[in-house]
Amino acid sequence: MTMTEAKVEYWRWTESRYTNPDIDWKKAKLVTAGIDVGSVSSQCVIIADGEIYAYGSTRTGSNSPDSARRAMNYALETTGVEPKDLQYIVATGYGRVNIPFANKTLTEIACHGRGANYIYGPSIRTILDMGGQDCKSIKVDPRGKVEAFLMNDKCAAGTGRGMEVIADLLAVPITEIGDMSFQISQEPPPVSTTCVVFAKSEARSLLNSGWDKPKVLAAYCSAMAHRVVTLLERIGVEPEFGITGGISKNVGVVHRIEKELGVKALQPKIDPQIAGGLGAALFAQALAVKDR
């Protein structure tokens, strides 16, 4: 391995930000924010009078307050909006209790339900949130209110962090894993476990036995898909069905979930990774109105 190869961070996904050019935030009656500090990524979403104005999606660091500030600063970059201009802030996610500048904290379950309702529309009933450290199966009503949920958070298996580990192990950029997993002549059997420790060992064994990287990735994506389908089946999948969280961008997992379920997931028009932060921002708007 060369020195250049050794420095490549294959796990690193692309941070992103967006500002709506059609909104003048200074004319808005109410500007609120939602901050979702997850174990792997953090998002800050700014809404003006109920419409998405800006957002930033960044890597979570070792410190929740700093991660929240970094996500907020990234979202506000070039907008002219200052933190003092935000009339209400709701925090959610893994690090929500450690964000001192938030007016209120809410669970990621509630925020993903509300955010998915905005992203996919009021017809959505079943949500799969595939986050950095856990997976959640959520059922919501037409308003995005949570009616039931199940969570699998025993380990990093079948999550964003697990996929990062596999990306580094196989030296494949994480953004290319989904497409590469379909560069196969025949679908292989899934790996026997998605536990990160054992999956790494099994992946090495498969490579040593002659499997190429696409075949190993296909086996891992298949195992991950089956793991979350089992979670979904426990709560019952009702149309319409949508996926949130970072793994929603991995077609290798998503298409295999759809195939196993026999249900096509709704296509998002907004980045599904911001669902938690978006839901928090929408709750912030409602709470700001209530406090007036």
Protein backbone atom coordinates (compact mmCIF):
# COMPACT_ATOMS: atom_id res chain seq x y z
CA MET A 1 0.00 0.00 0.00
CA THR A 2 1.39 3.42 -0.94
CA MET A 3 1.40 6.42 1.38
CA THR A 4 -1.32 8.04 -0.76
CA GLU A 5 -3.56 5.00 -0.50
CA ALA A 6 -3.06 4.85 3.27
CA LYS A 7 -4.47 8.38 3.68
CA VAL A 8 -7.71 7.75 1.77
CA GLU A 9 -10.76 7.89 4.03
CA TYR A 10 -13.07 5.52 2.19
CA TRP A 11 -15.78 5.92 4.84
CA ARG A 12 -16.12 9.67 4.29
CA TRP A 13 -19.43 10.59 2.71
CA THR A 14 -20.08 13.96 1.10
CA GLU A 15 -21.22 16.76 3.38
CA SER A 16 -23.88 18.96 1.82
CA ARG A 17 -25.70 22.25 2.21
CA TYR A 18 -28.56 24.02 0.43
CA THR A 19 -30.13 27.46 0.35
CA ASN A 20 -33.49 28.10 -1.34
CA PRO A 21 -32.89 31.00 -3.78
CA ASP A 22 -36.61 31.75 -4.00
CA ILE A 23 -37.04 32.64 -0.30
CA ASP A 24 -36.19 35.99 1.28
CA TRP A 25 -35.88 35.08 4.92
CA LYS A 26 -36.07 38.73 5.97
CA LYS A 27 -39.69 38.84 4.76
CA ALA A 28 -40.66 35.74 6.75
CA LYS A 29 -42.77 36.14 9.87
CA LEU A 30 -41.18 33.12 11.52
CA VAL A 31 -37.74 31.58 11.07
CA THR A 32 -37.01 28.45 13.10
CA ALA A 33 -34.40 25.70 13.17
CA GLY A 34 -34.13 22.01 13.86
CA ILE A 35 -30.83 20.35 14.74
CA ASP A 36 -30.38 16.59 14.57
CA VAL A 37 -27.13 15.44 16.15
CA GLY A 38 -26.72 11.77 15.31
CA SER A 39 -23.91 9.39 16.13
CA VAL A 40 -22.44 9.69 12.61
CA SER A 41 -23.96 12.80 11.02
CA SER A 42 -25.52 16.09 12.13
CA GLN A 43 -28.06 18.18 10.25
CA CYS A 44 -29.40 21.68 10.81
CA VAL A 45 -32.53 22.68 8.89
CA ILE A 46 -33.82 26.27 8.74
CA ILE A 47 -37.43 26.90 7.76
CA ALA A 48 -39.08 30.22 6.98
CA ASP A 49 -42.86 30.33 7.36
CA GLY A 50 -43.09 26.55 6.97
CA GLU A 51 -40.83 26.23 3.91
CA ILE A 52 -37.28 24.86 3.82
CA TYR A 53 -34.93 27.82 3.49
CA ALA A 54 -31.54 26.21 4.15
CA TYR A 55 -29.86 23.14 5.58
CA GLY A 56 -26.44 21.77 6.31
CA SER A 57 -25.44 18.11 6.71
CA THR A 58 -22.09 17.47 8.36
CA ARG A 59 -20.05 14.80 10.09
CA THR A 60 -20.67 14.46 13.84
CA GLY A 61 -17.55 15.02 15.92
CA SER A 62 -16.68 13.88 19.43
CA ASN A 63 -18.53 16.79 21.04
CA SER A 64 -22.32 17.21 20.60
CA PRO A 65 -22.49 21.00 21.20
CA ASP A 66 -19.64 21.61 18.74
CA SER A 67 -21.25 19.28 16.18
CA ALA A 68 -24.54 21.16 16.51
CA ARG A 69 -22.84 24.54 16.09
CA ARG A 70 -20.88 23.31 13.08
CA ALA A 71 -24.05 22.03 11.40
CA MET A 72 -25.83 25.32 12.12
CA ASN A 73 -22.96 27.46 10.88
CA TYR A 74 -22.78 25.36 7.72
CA ALA A 75 -26.52 25.74 7.11
CA LEU A 76 -26.37 29.52 7.69
CA GLU A 77 -23.26 30.01 5.55
CA THR A 78 -23.74 32.83 2.99
CA THR A 79 -27.41 33.30 3.98
CA GLY A 80 -27.00 36.39 6.12
CA VAL A 81 -28.99 34.71 8.89
CA GLU A 82 -27.44 34.90 12.35
CA PRO A 83 -28.24 32.48 15.19
CA LYS A 84 -29.99 35.36 16.99
CA ASP A 85 -32.43 35.62 14.06
CA LEU A 86 -33.77 32.12 14.77
CA GLN A 87 -36.92 32.48 16.83
CA TYR A 88 -37.07 28.90 18.10
CA ILE A 89 -34.69 25.92 17.97
CA VAL A 90 -35.57 22.27 18.60
CA ALA A 91 -32.83 19.67 19.07
CA THR A 92 -33.19 15.98 18.36
CA GLY A 93 -31.05 12.93 17.78
CA TYR A 94 -28.41 11.05 19.73
CA GLY A 95 -26.81 14.21 21.17
CA ARG A 96 -29.93 16.33 21.68
CA VAL A 97 -29.59 16.69 25.45
CA ASN A 98 -26.18 18.33 25.08
CA ILE A 99 -27.18 21.28 22.90
CA PRO A 100 -27.38 24.25 25.29
CA PHE A 101 -28.75 26.78 22.80
CA ALA A 102 -31.86 24.73 21.89
CA ASN A 103 -35.21 25.87 23.27
CA LYS A 104 -36.54 22.32 23.48
CA THR A 105 -35.53 18.72 22.79
CA LEU A 106 -37.68 16.06 21.12
CA THR A 107 -37.08 12.41 20.26
CA GLU A 108 -35.78 11.47 16.83
CA ILE A 109 -38.76 9.12 16.44
CA ALA A 110 -41.22 12.04 16.54
CA CYS A 111 -39.01 14.26 14.38
CA HIS A 112 -38.42 11.64 11.68
CA GLY A 113 -42.16 10.99 11.52
CA ARG A 114 -42.90 14.68 11.02
CA GLY A 115 -40.00 15.19 8.64
CA ALA A 116 -40.90 12.19 6.50
CA ASN A 117 -44.49 13.47 6.30
CA TYR A 118 -43.11 16.71 4.80
CA ILE A 119 -40.69 14.95 2.46
CA TYR A 120 -42.98 12.21 1.16
CA GLY A 121 -46.41 13.75 1.73
CA PRO A 122 -49.38 12.88 3.96
CA SER A 123 -49.93 9.49 2.29
CA ILE A 124 -46.85 7.96 3.95
CA ARG A 125 -47.67 5.43 6.66
CA THR A 126 -44.49 3.37 7.20
CA ILE A 127 -41.03 4.85 7.63
CA LEU A 128 -37.71 3.06 7.86
CA ASP A 129 -35.06 5.30 9.43
CA MET A 130 -31.60 3.85 8.79
CA GLY A 131 -29.26 5.93 10.90
CA GLY A 132 -25.67 5.82 12.00
CA GLN A 133 -26.11 3.61 15.05
CA ASP A 134 -29.63 2.16 14.86
CA CYS A 135 -32.59 1.37 12.62
CA LYS A 136 -36.17 2.35 13.40
CA SER A 137 -39.45 1.17 11.93
CA ILE A 138 -42.11 3.87 12.39
CA LYS A 139 -45.83 4.01 11.64
CA VAL A 140 -47.43 7.44 11.30
CA ASP A 141 -50.83 9.00 10.68
CA PRO A 142 -51.64 11.51 7.89
CA ARG A 143 -50.17 14.35 9.97
CA GLY A 144 -46.87 12.55 10.56
CA LYS A 145 -47.73 11.76 14.18
CA VAL A 146 -46.13 8.54 15.40
CA GLU A 147 -48.58 5.72 16.11
CA ALA A 148 -46.07 2.91 16.73
CA PHE A 149 -42.37 2.18 16.36
CA LEU A 150 -39.71 -0.46 16.84
CA MET A 151 -35.98 0.07 17.16
CA ASN A 152 -32.96 -2.15 16.69
CA ASP A 153 -29.95 -0.56 18.37
CA LYS A 154 -28.01 -3.51 19.76
CA CYS A 155 -24.90 -2.75 17.71
CA ALA A 156 -23.67 -0.89 14.63
CA ALA A 157 -24.70 -3.77 12.35
CA GLY A 158 -27.03 -2.78 9.53
CA THR A 159 -26.36 0.94 10.10
CA GLY A 160 -24.37 3.78 8.64
CA ARG A 161 -21.43 3.11 10.93
CA GLY A 162 -21.37 -0.54 9.91
CA MET A 163 -21.27 0.48 6.26
CA GLU A 164 -18.39 2.87 6.96
CA VAL A 165 -16.38 0.03 8.47
CA ILE A 166 -16.96 -2.15 5.41
CA ALA A 167 -16.01 0.73 3.09
CA ASP A 168 -12.66 1.10 4.84
CA LEU A 169 -12.07 -2.64 4.99
CA LEU A 170 -12.61 -3.12 1.25
CA ALA A 171 -11.06 0.24 0.26
CA VAL A 172 -14.21 1.26 -1.61
CA PRO A 173 -15.57 4.83 -1.32
CA ILE A 174 -18.80 4.64 0.66
CA THR A 175 -20.68 6.58 -2.03
CA GLU A 176 -19.84 3.85 -4.57
CA ILE A 177 -20.79 0.80 -2.50
CA GLY A 178 -24.44 0.63 -3.63
CA ASP A 179 -23.71 0.69 -7.36
CA MET A 180 -20.71 -1.62 -7.04
CA SER A 181 -22.82 -4.21 -5.21
CA PHE A 182 -24.75 -4.77 -8.47
CA GLN A 183 -21.63 -5.37 -10.57
CA ILE A 184 -22.15 -9.11 -10.23
CA SER A 185 -23.21 -11.92 -12.54
CA GLN A 186 -25.36 -13.59 -9.88
CA GLU A 187 -26.64 -12.56 -6.46
CA PRO A 188 -24.52 -14.33 -3.80
CA PRO A 189 -25.90 -15.63 -0.50
CA PRO A 190 -25.83 -12.96 2.22
CA VAL A 191 -23.03 -12.96 4.74
CA SER A 192 -24.00 -14.98 7.79
CA THR A 193 -23.98 -11.95 10.10
CA THR A 194 -24.08 -8.16 9.89
CA CYS A 195 -22.29 -7.80 13.23
CA VAL A 196 -19.44 -5.46 12.33
CA VAL A 197 -16.72 -7.50 14.02
CA PHE A 198 -17.77 -10.83 12.51
CA ALA A 199 -18.72 -9.30 9.14
CA LYS A 200 -15.19 -7.89 8.80
CA SER A 201 -13.73 -11.31 9.51
CA GLU A 202 -16.12 -12.99 7.10
CA ALA A 203 -15.44 -10.40 4.38
CA ARG A 204 -11.70 -11.00 4.65
CA SER A 205 -12.29 -14.75 4.44
CA LEU A 206 -14.46 -14.36 1.33
CA LEU A 207 -11.84 -12.16 -0.36
CA ASN A 208 -9.14 -14.71 0.45
CA SER A 209 -11.29 -17.46 -1.05
CA GLY A 210 -11.49 -15.63 -4.39
CA TRP A 211 -14.59 -13.44 -4.13
CA ASP A 212 -14.15 -10.00 -5.69
CA LYS A 213 -15.22 -6.78 -3.95
CA PRO A 214 -18.60 -6.38 -5.73
CA LYS A 215 -19.62 -9.89 -4.70
CA VAL A 216 -18.63 -9.29 -1.07
CA LEU A 217 -20.51 -5.97 -1.06
CA ALA A 218 -23.58 -7.64 -2.56
CA ALA A 219 -23.52 -10.27 0.21
CA TYR A 220 -23.17 -7.59 2.89
CA CYS A 221 -25.89 -5.31 1.44
CA SER A 222 -28.19 -8.34 1.17
CA ALA A 223 -27.63 -9.27 4.82
CA MET A 224 -28.21 -5.68 5.92
CA ALA A 225 -31.42 -5.48 3.89
CA HIS A 226 -32.72 -8.72 5.38
CA ARG A 227 -31.98 -7.50 8.89
CA VAL A 228 -34.07 -4.35 8.51
CA VAL A 229 -36.85 -6.14 6.61
CA THR A 230 -37.23 -8.39 9.66
CA LEU A 231 -37.67 -5.26 11.78
CA LEU A 232 -40.23 -3.82 9.35
CA GLU A 233 -42.23 -7.04 9.25
CA ARG A 234 -42.53 -7.00 13.03
CA ILE A 235 -44.40 -3.71 12.90
CA GLY A 236 -46.16 -4.35 9.57
CA VAL A 237 -45.51 -2.43 6.37
CA GLU A 238 -48.42 -0.35 5.14
CA PRO A 239 -48.30 1.68 1.92
CA GLU A 240 -47.04 4.24 1.41
CA PHE A 241 -43.49 3.35 2.49
CA GLY A 242 -40.45 5.64 2.67
CA ILE A 243 -36.87 5.55 3.93
CA THR A 244 -34.96 8.23 5.83
CA GLY A 245 -31.39 8.45 7.11
CA GLY A 246 -28.05 8.22 5.38
CA ILE A 247 -28.37 4.59 4.25
CA SER A 248 -31.41 5.64 2.19
CA LYS A 249 -28.84 6.83 -0.36
CA ASN A 250 -27.32 3.35 -0.73
CA VAL A 251 -29.15 1.74 -3.67
CA GLY A 252 -27.52 -1.59 -2.91
CA VAL A 253 -29.40 -1.82 0.36
CA VAL A 254 -32.58 0.01 -0.70
CA HIS A 255 -33.26 -2.07 -3.82
CA ARG A 256 -32.72 -5.29 -1.90
CA ILE A 257 -35.12 -4.13 0.81
CA GLU A 258 -37.72 -3.36 -1.86
CA LYS A 259 -37.23 -6.74 -3.50
CA GLU A 260 -37.56 -8.67 -0.23
CA LEU A 261 -40.60 -6.68 0.89
CA GLY A 262 -42.25 -6.66 -2.51
CA VAL A 263 -42.93 -2.95 -1.92
CA LYS A 264 -41.46 -0.01 -3.81
CA ALA A 265 -40.23 2.82 -1.61
CA LEU A 266 -41.42 6.34 -2.33
CA GLN A 267 -38.88 8.53 -4.12
CA PRO A 268 -37.86 11.60 -2.10
CA LYS A 269 -37.72 15.06 -3.66
CA ILE A 270 -35.73 16.31 -0.67
CA ASP A 271 -32.58 14.80 0.83
CA PRO A 272 -33.98 12.08 3.17
CA GLN A 273 -30.93 12.42 5.42
CA ILE A 274 -32.32 15.72 6.77
CA ALA A 275 -35.67 14.22 7.88
CA GLY A 276 -34.90 14.40 11.60
CA GLY A 277 -33.66 18.00 11.48
CA LEU A 278 -36.56 18.99 9.24
CA GLY A 279 -39.11 17.48 11.62
CA ALA A 280 -37.42 19.30 14.51
CA ALA A 281 -37.61 22.61 12.61
CA LEU A 282 -41.32 22.07 11.90
CA PHE A 283 -41.96 21.33 15.56
CA ALA A 284 -39.99 24.49 16.39
CA GLN A 285 -42.33 26.50 14.18
CA ALA A 286 -45.43 25.07 15.89
CA LEU A 287 -43.98 25.68 19.35
CA ALA A 288 -42.98 29.26 18.46
CA VAL A 289 -46.53 29.97 17.31
CA LYS A 290 -47.92 28.44 20.50
CA ASP A 291 -45.66 30.56 22.68
CA ARG A 292 -46.76 33.81 21.07
